[in-house]
Amino acid sequence: MPTASKLAAAIAFALLGFIAAQTFVKHLPEGTPLGHFREITAAIGFAVGWFVMGKLTRKGYREAVNSGLLTALVMVFWVLLAFAIYLMVKKSMHMMYDGPMEAVLGIFELMFDYGKMLVTPDMLGVILGGGVLAGFVSEWAGKRWS
């Protein structure tokens, strides 16, 4: 059921996803094709905000901090998984894997490699700080309009 807190959470985490993607671009190797990286990350943030954070509102602002951090980490997981699968399929089209099991393991290697790029002060600040802020916004909207 659509609620104001779900909509606010979805918009807040879509914005967080876009800003995090914009910040992450600085850490990618020069000449990396981006395509719709920012938009897809924002769409994943929208979905995670709606389905995860939207259900965790109206429990108080202290709990909103925890819920915002949890939702931000869930968003990072799904973004890493989605783009690792995309890159694995691209690599497999160029016959860079010997078999299907190596391709599946390649997903986790790609997630780990790109996840290491997230462990920088600016990325951690955006993800964790943005998660807390988005949690507050979602809680505020839940209390204000529900």
C-alpha atoms as a PDB file:
ATOM      1  CA  MET A   1       0.000   0.000   0.000  1.00  0.00           C
ATOM      2  CA  PRO A   2       1.478   3.349  -1.003  1.00  0.00           C
ATOM      3  CA  THR A   3       2.218   5.697   1.871  1.00  0.00           C
ATOM      4  CA  ALA A   4       3.959   9.033   2.194  1.00  0.00           C
ATOM      5  CA  SER A   5       6.847   7.456   4.075  1.00  0.00           C
ATOM      6  CA  LYS A   6       7.411   4.885   1.298  1.00  0.00           C
ATOM      7  CA  LEU A   7       7.406   7.624  -1.334  1.00  0.00           C
ATOM      8  CA  ALA A   8       9.737   9.822   0.703  1.00  0.00           C
ATOM      9  CA  ALA A   9      12.062   6.862   1.335  1.00  0.00           C
ATOM     10  CA  ALA A  10      12.066   5.942  -2.349  1.00  0.00           C
ATOM     11  CA  ILE A  11      12.886   9.483  -3.453  1.00  0.00           C
ATOM     12  CA  ALA A  12      15.519   9.948  -0.739  1.00  0.00           C
ATOM     13  CA  PHE A  13      17.314   6.711  -1.577  1.00  0.00           C
ATOM     14  CA  ALA A  14      17.060   7.341  -5.317  1.00  0.00           C
ATOM     15  CA  LEU A  15      18.799  10.650  -4.703  1.00  0.00           C
ATOM     16  CA  LEU A  16      21.350   8.919  -2.484  1.00  0.00           C
ATOM     17  CA  GLY A  17      21.994   6.335  -5.197  1.00  0.00           C
ATOM     18  CA  PHE A  18      22.537   9.025  -7.813  1.00  0.00           C
ATOM     19  CA  ILE A  19      24.910  11.011  -5.587  1.00  0.00           C
ATOM     20  CA  ALA A  20      26.819   7.862  -4.574  1.00  0.00           C
ATOM     21  CA  ALA A  21      27.160   6.846  -8.233  1.00  0.00           C
ATOM     22  CA  GLN A  22      28.401  10.316  -9.110  1.00  0.00           C
ATOM     23  CA  THR A  23      30.976  10.080  -6.320  1.00  0.00           C
ATOM     24  CA  PHE A  24      31.978   6.545  -7.352  1.00  0.00           C
ATOM     25  CA  VAL A  25      32.734   7.630 -10.915  1.00  0.00           C
ATOM     26  CA  LYS A  26      35.855   9.408  -9.624  1.00  0.00           C
ATOM     27  CA  HIS A  27      37.263   6.054  -8.466  1.00  0.00           C
ATOM     28  CA  LEU A  28      36.750   4.201 -11.752  1.00  0.00           C
ATOM     29  CA  PRO A  29      39.656   3.772 -14.155  1.00  0.00           C
ATOM     30  CA  GLU A  30      40.032   6.446 -16.820  1.00  0.00           C
ATOM     31  CA  GLY A  31      37.967   5.739 -19.921  1.00  0.00           C
ATOM     32  CA  THR A  32      35.464   3.395 -18.251  1.00  0.00           C
ATOM     33  CA  PRO A  33      32.203   3.563 -20.218  1.00  0.00           C
ATOM     34  CA  LEU A  34      29.419   4.625 -17.852  1.00  0.00           C
ATOM     35  CA  GLY A  35      26.286   4.263 -19.928  1.00  0.00           C
ATOM     36  CA  HIS A  36      23.273   4.688 -17.644  1.00  0.00           C
ATOM     37  CA  PHE A  37      25.205   3.876 -14.461  1.00  0.00           C
ATOM     38  CA  ARG A  38      23.853   6.808 -12.442  1.00  0.00           C
ATOM     39  CA  GLU A  39      20.257   6.332 -13.547  1.00  0.00           C
ATOM     40  CA  ILE A  40      20.234   2.585 -12.880  1.00  0.00           C
ATOM     41  CA  THR A  41      21.781   3.131  -9.454  1.00  0.00           C
ATOM     42  CA  ALA A  42      19.093   5.720  -8.703  1.00  0.00           C
ATOM     43  CA  ALA A  43      16.393   3.271  -9.834  1.00  0.00           C
ATOM     44  CA  ILE A  44      17.777   0.567  -7.532  1.00  0.00           C
ATOM     45  CA  GLY A  45      17.858   3.149  -4.728  1.00  0.00           C
ATOM     46  CA  PHE A  46      14.218   4.007  -5.446  1.00  0.00           C
ATOM     47  CA  ALA A  47      13.166   0.345  -5.242  1.00  0.00           C
ATOM     48  CA  VAL A  48      15.187  -0.359  -2.104  1.00  0.00           C
ATOM     49  CA  GLY A  49      13.878   2.803  -0.451  1.00  0.00           C
ATOM     50  CA  TRP A  50      10.295   1.839  -1.226  1.00  0.00           C
ATOM     51  CA  PHE A  51      10.474  -1.834  -0.255  1.00  0.00           C
ATOM     52  CA  VAL A  52      13.011  -1.792   2.595  1.00  0.00           C
ATOM     53  CA  MET A  53      13.000   1.620   4.260  1.00  0.00           C
ATOM     54  CA  GLY A  54       9.321   2.251   3.565  1.00  0.00           C
ATOM     55  CA  LYS A  55       8.381  -0.643   5.844  1.00  0.00           C
ATOM     56  CA  LEU A  56      10.745   0.401   8.639  1.00  0.00           C
ATOM     57  CA  THR A  57       9.305   3.836   9.370  1.00  0.00           C
ATOM     58  CA  ARG A  58       7.172   5.170  12.244  1.00  0.00           C
ATOM     59  CA  LYS A  59       9.333   3.603  14.941  1.00  0.00           C
ATOM     60  CA  GLY A  60      11.140   6.725  16.102  1.00  0.00           C
ATOM     61  CA  TYR A  61      14.133   8.735  14.973  1.00  0.00           C
ATOM     62  CA  ARG A  62      16.659   6.556  16.803  1.00  0.00           C
ATOM     63  CA  GLU A  63      15.437   3.533  14.899  1.00  0.00           C
ATOM     64  CA  ALA A  64      15.421   5.600  11.683  1.00  0.00           C
ATOM     65  CA  VAL A  65      19.224   5.875  11.911  1.00  0.00           C
ATOM     66  CA  ASN A  66      19.567   2.091  12.012  1.00  0.00           C
ATOM     67  CA  SER A  67      16.984   1.596   9.294  1.00  0.00           C
ATOM     68  CA  GLY A  68      18.618   4.206   7.056  1.00  0.00           C
ATOM     69  CA  LEU A  69      22.039   2.579   7.440  1.00  0.00           C
ATOM     70  CA  LEU A  70      20.588  -0.869   6.779  1.00  0.00           C
ATOM     71  CA  THR A  71      18.761   0.357   3.687  1.00  0.00           C
ATOM     72  CA  ALA A  72      21.882   2.106   2.372  1.00  0.00           C
ATOM     73  CA  LEU A  73      23.894  -1.104   2.744  1.00  0.00           C
ATOM     74  CA  VAL A  74      21.154  -3.140   1.073  1.00  0.00           C
ATOM     75  CA  MET A  75      21.208  -0.638  -1.797  1.00  0.00           C
ATOM     76  CA  VAL A  76      24.997  -0.998  -2.132  1.00  0.00           C
ATOM     77  CA  PHE A  77      24.674  -4.792  -2.210  1.00  0.00           C
ATOM     78  CA  TRP A  78      22.030  -4.771  -4.961  1.00  0.00           C
ATOM     79  CA  VAL A  79      23.918  -2.199  -7.032  1.00  0.00           C
ATOM     80  CA  LEU A  80      27.134  -4.211  -6.784  1.00  0.00           C
ATOM     81  CA  LEU A  81      25.294  -7.419  -7.669  1.00  0.00           C
ATOM     82  CA  ALA A  82      23.445  -5.893 -10.618  1.00  0.00           C
ATOM     83  CA  PHE A  83      26.524  -4.360 -12.189  1.00  0.00           C
ATOM     84  CA  ALA A  84      28.678  -7.420 -11.483  1.00  0.00           C
ATOM     85  CA  ILE A  85      26.142  -9.583 -13.320  1.00  0.00           C
ATOM     86  CA  TYR A  86      26.069  -7.085 -16.184  1.00  0.00           C
ATOM     87  CA  LEU A  87      29.866  -7.052 -16.442  1.00  0.00           C
ATOM     88  CA  MET A  88      30.030 -10.844 -16.196  1.00  0.00           C
ATOM     89  CA  VAL A  89      27.610 -11.195 -19.108  1.00  0.00           C
ATOM     90  CA  LYS A  90      29.656  -8.684 -21.114  1.00  0.00           C
ATOM     91  CA  LYS A  91      32.858 -10.597 -20.364  1.00  0.00           C
ATOM     92  CA  SER A  92      31.257 -13.937 -21.170  1.00  0.00           C
ATOM     93  CA  MET A  93      30.151 -12.609 -24.566  1.00  0.00           C
ATOM     94  CA  HIS A  94      33.833 -12.019 -25.292  1.00  0.00           C
ATOM     95  CA  MET A  95      34.620 -15.605 -24.157  1.00  0.00           C
ATOM     96  CA  MET A  96      36.661 -14.484 -21.143  1.00  0.00           C
ATOM     97  CA  TYR A  97      35.454 -17.394 -18.997  1.00  0.00           C
ATOM     98  CA  ASP A  98      36.189 -21.082 -19.491  1.00  0.00           C
ATOM     99  CA  GLY A  99      32.828 -22.290 -18.249  1.00  0.00           C
ATOM    100  CA  PRO A 100      29.599 -21.357 -16.513  1.00  0.00           C
ATOM    101  CA  MET A 101      30.932 -21.977 -13.000  1.00  0.00           C
ATOM    102  CA  GLU A 102      33.861 -19.651 -13.604  1.00  0.00           C
ATOM    103  CA  ALA A 103      31.401 -17.013 -14.831  1.00  0.00           C
ATOM    104  CA  VAL A 104      29.277 -17.337 -11.692  1.00  0.00           C
ATOM    105  CA  LEU A 105      32.361 -17.045  -9.508  1.00  0.00           C
ATOM    106  CA  GLY A 106      33.359 -14.067 -11.624  1.00  0.00           C
ATOM    107  CA  ILE A 107      30.273 -12.231 -10.345  1.00  0.00           C
ATOM    108  CA  PHE A 108      31.555 -12.427  -6.781  1.00  0.00           C
ATOM    109  CA  GLU A 109      35.071 -11.459  -7.827  1.00  0.00           C
ATOM    110  CA  LEU A 110      33.692  -8.387  -9.591  1.00  0.00           C
ATOM    111  CA  MET A 111      31.542  -7.508  -6.576  1.00  0.00           C
ATOM    112  CA  PHE A 112      34.596  -7.772  -4.340  1.00  0.00           C
ATOM    113  CA  ASP A 113      36.799  -5.721  -6.680  1.00  0.00           C
ATOM    114  CA  TYR A 114      34.282  -2.907  -7.009  1.00  0.00           C
ATOM    115  CA  GLY A 115      33.366  -3.168  -3.329  1.00  0.00           C
ATOM    116  CA  LYS A 116      36.995  -2.438  -2.431  1.00  0.00           C
ATOM    117  CA  MET A 117      36.661   0.837  -4.334  1.00  0.00           C
ATOM    118  CA  LEU A 118      33.836   1.822  -1.987  1.00  0.00           C
ATOM    119  CA  VAL A 119      36.089   1.759   1.065  1.00  0.00           C
ATOM    120  CA  THR A 120      37.297   5.331   0.732  1.00  0.00           C
ATOM    121  CA  PRO A 121      36.427   8.229   3.040  1.00  0.00           C
ATOM    122  CA  ASP A 122      34.309  10.086   0.493  1.00  0.00           C
ATOM    123  CA  MET A 123      32.290   7.011  -0.525  1.00  0.00           C
ATOM    124  CA  LEU A 124      31.761   5.889   3.070  1.00  0.00           C
ATOM    125  CA  GLY A 125      30.694   9.410   3.992  1.00  0.00           C
ATOM    126  CA  VAL A 126      28.180   9.599   1.157  1.00  0.00           C
ATOM    127  CA  ILE A 127      26.725   6.140   1.754  1.00  0.00           C
ATOM    128  CA  LEU A 128      26.585   6.173   5.545  1.00  0.00           C
ATOM    129  CA  GLY A 129      25.769   9.867   5.994  1.00  0.00           C
ATOM    130  CA  GLY A 130      23.237   9.759   3.177  1.00  0.00           C
ATOM    131  CA  GLY A 131      21.648   6.636   4.640  1.00  0.00           C
ATOM    132  CA  VAL A 132      21.177   8.332   8.009  1.00  0.00           C
ATOM    133  CA  LEU A 133      19.779  11.474   6.378  1.00  0.00           C
ATOM    134  CA  ALA A 134      17.435   9.488   4.131  1.00  0.00           C
ATOM    135  CA  GLY A 135      16.270   7.520   7.184  1.00  0.00           C
ATOM    136  CA  PHE A 136      15.429  10.772   8.980  1.00  0.00           C
ATOM    137  CA  VAL A 137      13.549  12.094   5.946  1.00  0.00           C
ATOM    138  CA  SER A 138      11.547   8.876   5.674  1.00  0.00           C
ATOM    139  CA  GLU A 139      10.684   8.893   9.372  1.00  0.00           C
ATOM    140  CA  TRP A 140       9.709  12.555   9.244  1.00  0.00           C
ATOM    141  CA  ALA A 141       7.406  11.955   6.268  1.00  0.00           C
ATOM    142  CA  GLY A 142       5.878   8.944   8.021  1.00  0.00           C
ATOM    143  CA  LYS A 143       5.088  10.963  11.129  1.00  0.00           C
ATOM    144  CA  ARG A 144       3.966  14.038   9.220  1.00  0.00           C
ATOM    145  CA  TRP A 145       1.594  12.524   6.648  1.00  0.00           C
ATOM    146  CA  SER A 146       0.467   9.179   8.044  1.00  0.00           C
END
